[in-house]
PDB file of N, CA and C in Angstrom:
ATOM      1  N   MET A   1       0.840  -1.181   0.000  1.00  0.00           N
ATOM      2  CA  MET A   1       0.000   0.000   0.000  1.00  0.00           C
ATOM      3  C   MET A   1       0.882   1.241   0.000  1.00  0.00           C
ATOM      4  N   ASN A   2       0.568   2.171  -0.869  1.00  0.00           N
ATOM      5  CA  ASN A   2       1.300   3.424  -0.956  1.00  0.00           C
ATOM      6  C   ASN A   2       0.545   4.463  -0.135  1.00  0.00           C
ATOM      7  N   LEU A   3       1.152   4.915   0.959  1.00  0.00           N
ATOM      8  CA  LEU A   3       0.491   5.821   1.887  1.00  0.00           C
ATOM      9  C   LEU A   3       1.306   7.096   2.041  1.00  0.00           C
ATOM     10  N   LEU A   4       0.606   8.236   1.968  1.00  0.00           N
ATOM     11  CA  LEU A   4       1.223   9.542   2.159  1.00  0.00           C
ATOM     12  C   LEU A   4       0.426  10.276   3.221  1.00  0.00           C
ATOM     13  N   ASP A   5       1.057  10.585   4.342  1.00  0.00           N
ATOM     14  CA  ASP A   5       0.385  11.299   5.432  1.00  0.00           C
ATOM     15  C   ASP A   5       0.798  12.771   5.372  1.00  0.00           C
ATOM     16  N   THR A   6      -0.152  13.630   5.013  1.00  0.00           N
ATOM     17  CA  THR A   6       0.118  15.065   4.939  1.00  0.00           C
ATOM     18  C   THR A   6      -0.590  15.810   6.072  1.00  0.00           C
ATOM     19  N   SER A   7      -0.901  15.114   7.138  1.00  0.00           N
ATOM     20  CA  SER A   7      -1.580  15.728   8.281  1.00  0.00           C
ATOM     21  C   SER A   7      -0.798  16.942   8.773  1.00  0.00           C
ATOM     22  N   GLY A   8      -1.526  18.029   9.019  1.00  0.00           N
ATOM     23  CA  GLY A   8      -0.900  19.245   9.522  1.00  0.00           C
ATOM     24  C   GLY A   8      -0.379  20.174   8.454  1.00  0.00           C
ATOM     25  N   LEU A   9      -0.303  19.708   7.225  1.00  0.00           N
ATOM     26  CA  LEU A   9       0.191  20.550   6.135  1.00  0.00           C
ATOM     27  C   LEU A   9      -0.960  21.328   5.505  1.00  0.00           C
ATOM     28  N   LYS A  10      -0.679  22.559   5.113  1.00  0.00           N
ATOM     29  CA  LYS A  10      -1.676  23.421   4.479  1.00  0.00           C
ATOM     30  C   LYS A  10      -1.426  23.493   2.979  1.00  0.00           C
ATOM     31  N   CYS A  11      -2.470  23.860   2.266  1.00  0.00           N
ATOM     32  CA  CYS A  11      -2.424  24.043   0.824  1.00  0.00           C
ATOM     33  C   CYS A  11      -1.247  24.946   0.453  1.00  0.00           C
ATOM     34  N   PRO A  12      -0.489  24.602  -0.543  1.00  0.00           N
ATOM     35  CA  PRO A  12      -0.651  23.535  -1.532  1.00  0.00           C
ATOM     36  C   PRO A  12       0.190  22.299  -1.238  1.00  0.00           C
ATOM     37  N   LEU A  13       0.771  22.206  -0.048  1.00  0.00           N
ATOM     38  CA  LEU A  13       1.712  21.115   0.240  1.00  0.00           C
ATOM     39  C   LEU A  13       1.141  19.710   0.082  1.00  0.00           C
ATOM     40  N   PRO A  14      -0.094  19.413   0.536  1.00  0.00           N
ATOM     41  CA  PRO A  14      -0.596  18.042   0.329  1.00  0.00           C
ATOM     42  C   PRO A  14      -0.626  17.639  -1.150  1.00  0.00           C
ATOM     43  N   VAL A  15      -1.060  18.545  -2.010  1.00  0.00           N
ATOM     44  CA  VAL A  15      -1.125  18.233  -3.441  1.00  0.00           C
ATOM     45  C   VAL A  15       0.275  18.101  -4.029  1.00  0.00           C
ATOM     46  N   LEU A  16       1.175  18.980  -3.641  1.00  0.00           N
ATOM     47  CA  LEU A  16       2.540  18.910  -4.177  1.00  0.00           C
ATOM     48  C   LEU A  16       3.234  17.616  -3.767  1.00  0.00           C
ATOM     49  N   LYS A  17       3.036  17.196  -2.520  1.00  0.00           N
ATOM     50  CA  LYS A  17       3.638  15.936  -2.063  1.00  0.00           C
ATOM     51  C   LYS A  17       2.994  14.729  -2.760  1.00  0.00           C
ATOM     52  N   ALA A  18       1.690  14.810  -3.009  1.00  0.00           N
ATOM     53  CA  ALA A  18       1.007  13.736  -3.725  1.00  0.00           C
ATOM     54  C   ALA A  18       1.504  13.644  -5.163  1.00  0.00           C
ATOM     55  N   LYS A  19       1.691  14.781  -5.785  1.00  0.00           N
ATOM     56  CA  LYS A  19       2.194  14.811  -7.165  1.00  0.00           C
ATOM     57  C   LYS A  19       3.553  14.114  -7.250  1.00  0.00           C
ATOM     58  N   LYS A  20       4.419  14.421  -6.297  1.00  0.00           N
ATOM     59  CA  LYS A  20       5.753  13.814  -6.260  1.00  0.00           C
ATOM     60  C   LYS A  20       5.650  12.301  -6.026  1.00  0.00           C
ATOM     61  N   ALA A  21       4.775  11.890  -5.108  1.00  0.00           N
ATOM     62  CA  ALA A  21       4.611  10.461  -4.804  1.00  0.00           C
ATOM     63  C   ALA A  21       4.033   9.707  -5.992  1.00  0.00           C
ATOM     64  N   LEU A  22       3.087  10.322  -6.704  1.00  0.00           N
ATOM     65  CA  LEU A  22       2.469   9.648  -7.858  1.00  0.00           C
ATOM     66  C   LEU A  22       3.461   9.425  -8.995  1.00  0.00           C
ATOM     67  N   LYS A  23       4.451  10.297  -9.111  1.00  0.00           N
ATOM     68  CA  LYS A  23       5.469  10.143 -10.163  1.00  0.00           C
ATOM     69  C   LYS A  23       6.239   8.836 -10.004  1.00  0.00           C
ATOM     70  N   LEU A  24       6.323   8.336  -8.776  1.00  0.00           N
ATOM     71  CA  LEU A  24       7.075   7.105  -8.502  1.00  0.00           C
ATOM     72  C   LEU A  24       6.257   5.838  -8.741  1.00  0.00           C
ATOM     73  N   LEU A  25       4.950   6.004  -8.991  1.00  0.00           N
ATOM     74  CA  LEU A  25       4.064   4.857  -9.163  1.00  0.00           C
ATOM     75  C   LEU A  25       3.883   4.513 -10.636  1.00  0.00           C
ATOM     76  N   SER A  26       3.498   3.281 -10.885  1.00  0.00           N
ATOM     77  CA  SER A  26       3.166   2.823 -12.236  1.00  0.00           C
ATOM     78  C   SER A  26       1.681   3.056 -12.478  1.00  0.00           C
ATOM     79  N   VAL A  27       1.315   3.131 -13.742  1.00  0.00           N
ATOM     80  CA  VAL A  27      -0.090   3.290 -14.105  1.00  0.00           C
ATOM     81  C   VAL A  27      -0.901   2.159 -13.473  1.00  0.00           C
ATOM     82  N   GLY A  28      -2.022   2.517 -12.852  1.00  0.00           N
ATOM     83  CA  GLY A  28      -2.884   1.533 -12.194  1.00  0.00           C
ATOM     84  C   GLY A  28      -2.650   1.408 -10.697  1.00  0.00           C
ATOM     85  N   GLU A  29      -1.483   1.838 -10.234  1.00  0.00           N
ATOM     86  CA  GLU A  29      -1.229   1.788  -8.792  1.00  0.00           C
ATOM     87  C   GLU A  29      -2.021   2.893  -8.095  1.00  0.00           C
ATOM     88  N   LYS A  30      -2.290   2.679  -6.809  1.00  0.00           N
ATOM     89  CA  LYS A  30      -3.083   3.625  -6.033  1.00  0.00           C
ATOM     90  C   LYS A  30      -2.239   4.262  -4.941  1.00  0.00           C
ATOM     91  N   LEU A  31      -2.556   5.532  -4.655  1.00  0.00           N
ATOM     92  CA  LEU A  31      -1.921   6.271  -3.579  1.00  0.00           C
ATOM     93  C   LEU A  31      -3.002   6.685  -2.595  1.00  0.00           C
ATOM     94  N   THR A  32      -2.809   6.368  -1.324  1.00  0.00           N
ATOM     95  CA  THR A  32      -3.715   6.794  -0.260  1.00  0.00           C
ATOM     96  C   THR A  32      -3.078   7.991   0.424  1.00  0.00           C
ATOM     97  N   ILE A  33      -3.851   9.072   0.531  1.00  0.00           N
ATOM     98  CA  ILE A  33      -3.353  10.312   1.122  1.00  0.00           C
ATOM     99  C   ILE A  33      -4.221  10.659   2.321  1.00  0.00           C
ATOM    100  N   ILE A  34      -3.586  10.993   3.425  1.00  0.00           N
ATOM    101  CA  ILE A  34      -4.289  11.467   4.610  1.00  0.00           C
ATOM    102  C   ILE A  34      -4.007  12.954   4.727  1.00  0.00           C
ATOM    103  N   ALA A  35      -5.072  13.753   4.858  1.00  0.00           N
ATOM    104  CA  ALA A  35      -4.917  15.202   4.950  1.00  0.00           C
ATOM    105  C   ALA A  35      -5.837  15.769   6.027  1.00  0.00           C
ATOM    106  N   THR A  36      -5.414  16.878   6.613  1.00  0.00           N
ATOM    107  CA  THR A  36      -6.236  17.569   7.606  1.00  0.00           C
ATOM    108  C   THR A  36      -6.666  18.952   7.126  1.00  0.00           C
ATOM    109  N   ASP A  37      -6.102  19.438   6.048  1.00  0.00           N
ATOM    110  CA  ASP A  37      -6.463  20.754   5.507  1.00  0.00           C
ATOM    111  C   ASP A  37      -7.852  20.668   4.882  1.00  0.00           C
ATOM    112  N   PRO A  38      -8.814  21.489   5.356  1.00  0.00           N
ATOM    113  CA  PRO A  38     -10.173  21.439   4.805  1.00  0.00           C
ATOM    114  C   PRO A  38     -10.231  21.742   3.304  1.00  0.00           C
ATOM    115  N   GLY A  39      -9.277  22.492   2.789  1.00  0.00           N
ATOM    116  CA  GLY A  39      -9.249  22.825   1.365  1.00  0.00           C
ATOM    117  C   GLY A  39      -8.754  21.690   0.493  1.00  0.00           C
ATOM    118  N   ALA A  40      -8.287  20.622   1.098  1.00  0.00           N
ATOM    119  CA  ALA A  40      -7.715  19.514   0.324  1.00  0.00           C
ATOM    120  C   ALA A  40      -8.748  18.838  -0.570  1.00  0.00           C
ATOM    121  N   VAL A  41     -10.002  18.809  -0.161  1.00  0.00           N
ATOM    122  CA  VAL A  41     -11.030  18.153  -0.982  1.00  0.00           C
ATOM    123  C   VAL A  41     -11.128  18.855  -2.337  1.00  0.00           C
ATOM    124  N   LYS A  42     -11.257  20.156  -2.302  1.00  0.00           N
ATOM    125  CA  LYS A  42     -11.332  20.925  -3.553  1.00  0.00           C
ATOM    126  C   LYS A  42     -10.024  20.798  -4.336  1.00  0.00           C
ATOM    127  N   ASP A  43      -8.905  20.869  -3.619  1.00  0.00           N
ATOM    128  CA  ASP A  43      -7.596  20.807  -4.271  1.00  0.00           C
ATOM    129  C   ASP A  43      -7.370  19.478  -4.992  1.00  0.00           C
ATOM    130  N   PHE A  44      -7.732  18.366  -4.349  1.00  0.00           N
ATOM    131  CA  PHE A  44      -7.507  17.068  -4.981  1.00  0.00           C
ATOM    132  C   PHE A  44      -8.477  16.807  -6.136  1.00  0.00           C
ATOM    133  N   HIS A  45      -9.705  17.334  -6.042  1.00  0.00           N
ATOM    134  CA  HIS A  45     -10.612  17.241  -7.188  1.00  0.00           C
ATOM    135  C   HIS A  45      -9.992  17.940  -8.396  1.00  0.00           C
ATOM    136  N   HIS A  46      -9.509  19.158  -8.175  1.00  0.00           N
ATOM    137  CA  HIS A  46      -8.910  19.931  -9.266  1.00  0.00           C
ATOM    138  C   HIS A  46      -7.633  19.248  -9.775  1.00  0.00           C
ATOM    139  N   PHE A  47      -6.804  18.771  -8.874  1.00  0.00           N
ATOM    140  CA  PHE A  47      -5.561  18.093  -9.243  1.00  0.00           C
ATOM    141  C   PHE A  47      -5.841  16.920 -10.186  1.00  0.00           C
ATOM    142  N   CYS A  48      -6.832  16.103  -9.844  1.00  0.00           N
ATOM    143  CA  CYS A  48      -7.144  14.934 -10.668  1.00  0.00           C
ATOM    144  C   CYS A  48      -7.750  15.332 -12.010  1.00  0.00           C
ATOM    145  N   GLU A  49      -8.519  16.409 -12.050  1.00  0.00           N
ATOM    146  CA  GLU A  49      -9.042  16.903 -13.331  1.00  0.00           C
ATOM    147  C   GLU A  49      -7.898  17.313 -14.250  1.00  0.00           C
ATOM    148  N   VAL A  50      -6.890  17.968 -13.683  1.00  0.00           N
ATOM    149  CA  VAL A  50      -5.757  18.460 -14.473  1.00  0.00           C
ATOM    150  C   VAL A  50      -4.843  17.320 -14.909  1.00  0.00           C
ATOM    151  N   THR A  51      -4.553  16.370 -14.014  1.00  0.00           N
ATOM    152  CA  THR A  51      -3.585  15.311 -14.316  1.00  0.00           C
ATOM    153  C   THR A  51      -4.198  14.129 -15.059  1.00  0.00           C
ATOM    154  N   GLY A  52      -5.508  13.963 -14.935  1.00  0.00           N
ATOM    155  CA  GLY A  52      -6.152  12.805 -15.544  1.00  0.00           C
ATOM    156  C   GLY A  52      -6.133  11.579 -14.651  1.00  0.00           C
ATOM    157  N   ASP A  53      -5.549  11.715 -13.461  1.00  0.00           N
ATOM    158  CA  ASP A  53      -5.583  10.599 -12.508  1.00  0.00           C
ATOM    159  C   ASP A  53      -6.986  10.496 -11.924  1.00  0.00           C
ATOM    160  N   SER A  54      -7.319   9.342 -11.379  1.00  0.00           N
ATOM    161  CA  SER A  54      -8.682   9.084 -10.917  1.00  0.00           C
ATOM    162  C   SER A  54      -8.786   9.193  -9.396  1.00  0.00           C
ATOM    163  N   LEU A  55      -9.668  10.083  -8.937  1.00  0.00           N
ATOM    164  CA  LEU A  55      -9.942  10.205  -7.513  1.00  0.00           C
ATOM    165  C   LEU A  55     -10.974   9.143  -7.167  1.00  0.00           C
ATOM    166  N   GLU A  56     -10.493   8.023  -6.650  1.00  0.00           N
ATOM    167  CA  GLU A  56     -11.330   6.845  -6.427  1.00  0.00           C
ATOM    168  C   GLU A  56     -12.246   6.966  -5.213  1.00  0.00           C
ATOM    169  N   LYS A  57     -11.734   7.601  -4.138  1.00  0.00           N
ATOM    170  CA  LYS A  57     -12.509   7.628  -2.904  1.00  0.00           C
ATOM    171  C   LYS A  57     -12.082   8.804  -2.036  1.00  0.00           C
ATOM    172  N   ILE A  58     -13.073   9.388  -1.348  1.00  0.00           N
ATOM    173  CA  ILE A  58     -12.827  10.414  -0.335  1.00  0.00           C
ATOM    174  C   ILE A  58     -13.599   9.990   0.912  1.00  0.00           C
ATOM    175  N   LYS A  59     -12.902   9.948   2.039  1.00  0.00           N
ATOM    176  CA  LYS A  59     -13.555   9.561   3.289  1.00  0.00           C
ATOM    177  C   LYS A  59     -13.186  10.574   4.375  1.00  0.00           C
ATOM    178  N   ASN A  60     -14.214  11.184   4.972  1.00  0.00           N
ATOM    179  CA  ASN A  60     -14.010  12.138   6.064  1.00  0.00           C
ATOM    180  C   ASN A  60     -14.193  11.436   7.395  1.00  0.00           C
ATOM    181  N   ASN A  61     -13.290  11.760   8.345  1.00  0.00           N
ATOM    182  CA  ASN A  61     -13.371  11.149   9.666  1.00  0.00           C
ATOM    183  C   ASN A  61     -12.768  12.093  10.711  1.00  0.00           C
ATOM    184  N   ASP A  62     -13.631  12.812  11.439  1.00  0.00           N
ATOM    185  CA  ASP A  62     -13.191  13.671  12.548  1.00  0.00           C
ATOM    186  C   ASP A  62     -12.032  14.604  12.200  1.00  0.00           C
ATOM    187  N   GLY A  63     -12.191  15.409  11.149  1.00  0.00           N
ATOM    188  CA  GLY A  63     -11.169  16.383  10.795  1.00  0.00           C
ATOM    189  C   GLY A  63     -10.057  15.854   9.920  1.00  0.00           C
ATOM    190  N   THR A  64     -10.091  14.580   9.623  1.00  0.00           N
ATOM    191  CA  THR A  64      -9.101  13.971   8.733  1.00  0.00           C
ATOM    192  C   THR A  64      -9.823  13.469   7.490  1.00  0.00           C
ATOM    193  N   THR A  65      -9.233  13.738   6.346  1.00  0.00           N
ATOM    194  CA  THR A  65      -9.801  13.247   5.092  1.00  0.00           C
ATOM    195  C   THR A  65      -8.803  12.299   4.447  1.00  0.00           C
ATOM    196  N   THR A  66      -9.294  11.164   4.008  1.00  0.00           N
ATOM    197  CA  THR A  66      -8.471  10.183   3.309  1.00  0.00           C
ATOM    198  C   THR A  66      -8.895  10.148   1.851  1.00  0.00           C
ATOM    199  N   PHE A  67      -7.926  10.242   0.971  1.00  0.00           N
ATOM    200  CA  PHE A  67      -8.149  10.222  -0.474  1.00  0.00           C
ATOM    201  C   PHE A  67      -7.461   8.982  -1.045  1.00  0.00           C
ATOM    202  N   ILE A  68      -8.082   8.353  -2.021  1.00  0.00           N
ATOM    203  CA  ILE A  68      -7.413   7.290  -2.769  1.00  0.00           C
ATOM    204  C   ILE A  68      -7.411   7.720  -4.231  1.00  0.00           C
ATOM    205  N   ILE A  69      -6.191   7.857  -4.766  1.00  0.00           N
ATOM    206  CA  ILE A  69      -6.005   8.280  -6.151  1.00  0.00           C
ATOM    207  C   ILE A  69      -5.342   7.142  -6.918  1.00  0.00           C
ATOM    208  N   SER A  70      -5.916   6.826  -8.067  1.00  0.00           N
ATOM    209  CA  SER A  70      -5.354   5.813  -8.949  1.00  0.00           C
ATOM    210  C   SER A  70      -4.606   6.518 -10.078  1.00  0.00           C
ATOM    211  N   LYS A  71      -3.352   6.151 -10.287  1.00  0.00           N
ATOM    212  CA  LYS A  71      -2.554   6.771 -11.340  1.00  0.00           C
ATOM    213  C   LYS A  71      -3.022   6.270 -12.699  1.00  0.00           C
ATOM    214  N   CYS A  72      -3.360   7.205 -13.567  1.00  0.00           N
ATOM    215  CA  CYS A  72      -3.885   6.850 -14.892  1.00  0.00           C
ATOM    216  C   CYS A  72      -2.943   7.183 -16.035  1.00  0.00           C
ATOM    217  N   SER A  73      -1.938   8.007 -15.786  1.00  0.00           N
ATOM    218  CA  SER A  73      -1.022   8.357 -16.884  1.00  0.00           C
ATOM    219  C   SER A  73       0.387   8.535 -16.375  1.00  0.00           C
TER     220      SER A  73
END
């Protein structure tokens, strides 16, 4: 499992760290990201629209949001 914990980081750091982590993955692999920044939901939606990667899942849990992104390109 590819896990990136960006808890405590503010925009744009969670997206920038995810971008770097996704570069190391092969097409079809998934990256799980944990974030606490409330703006991350909007940021990751936009990020996936721009990159073409697939935002598979978003789960909110007591101030923490978990994202699962599948690398598509």
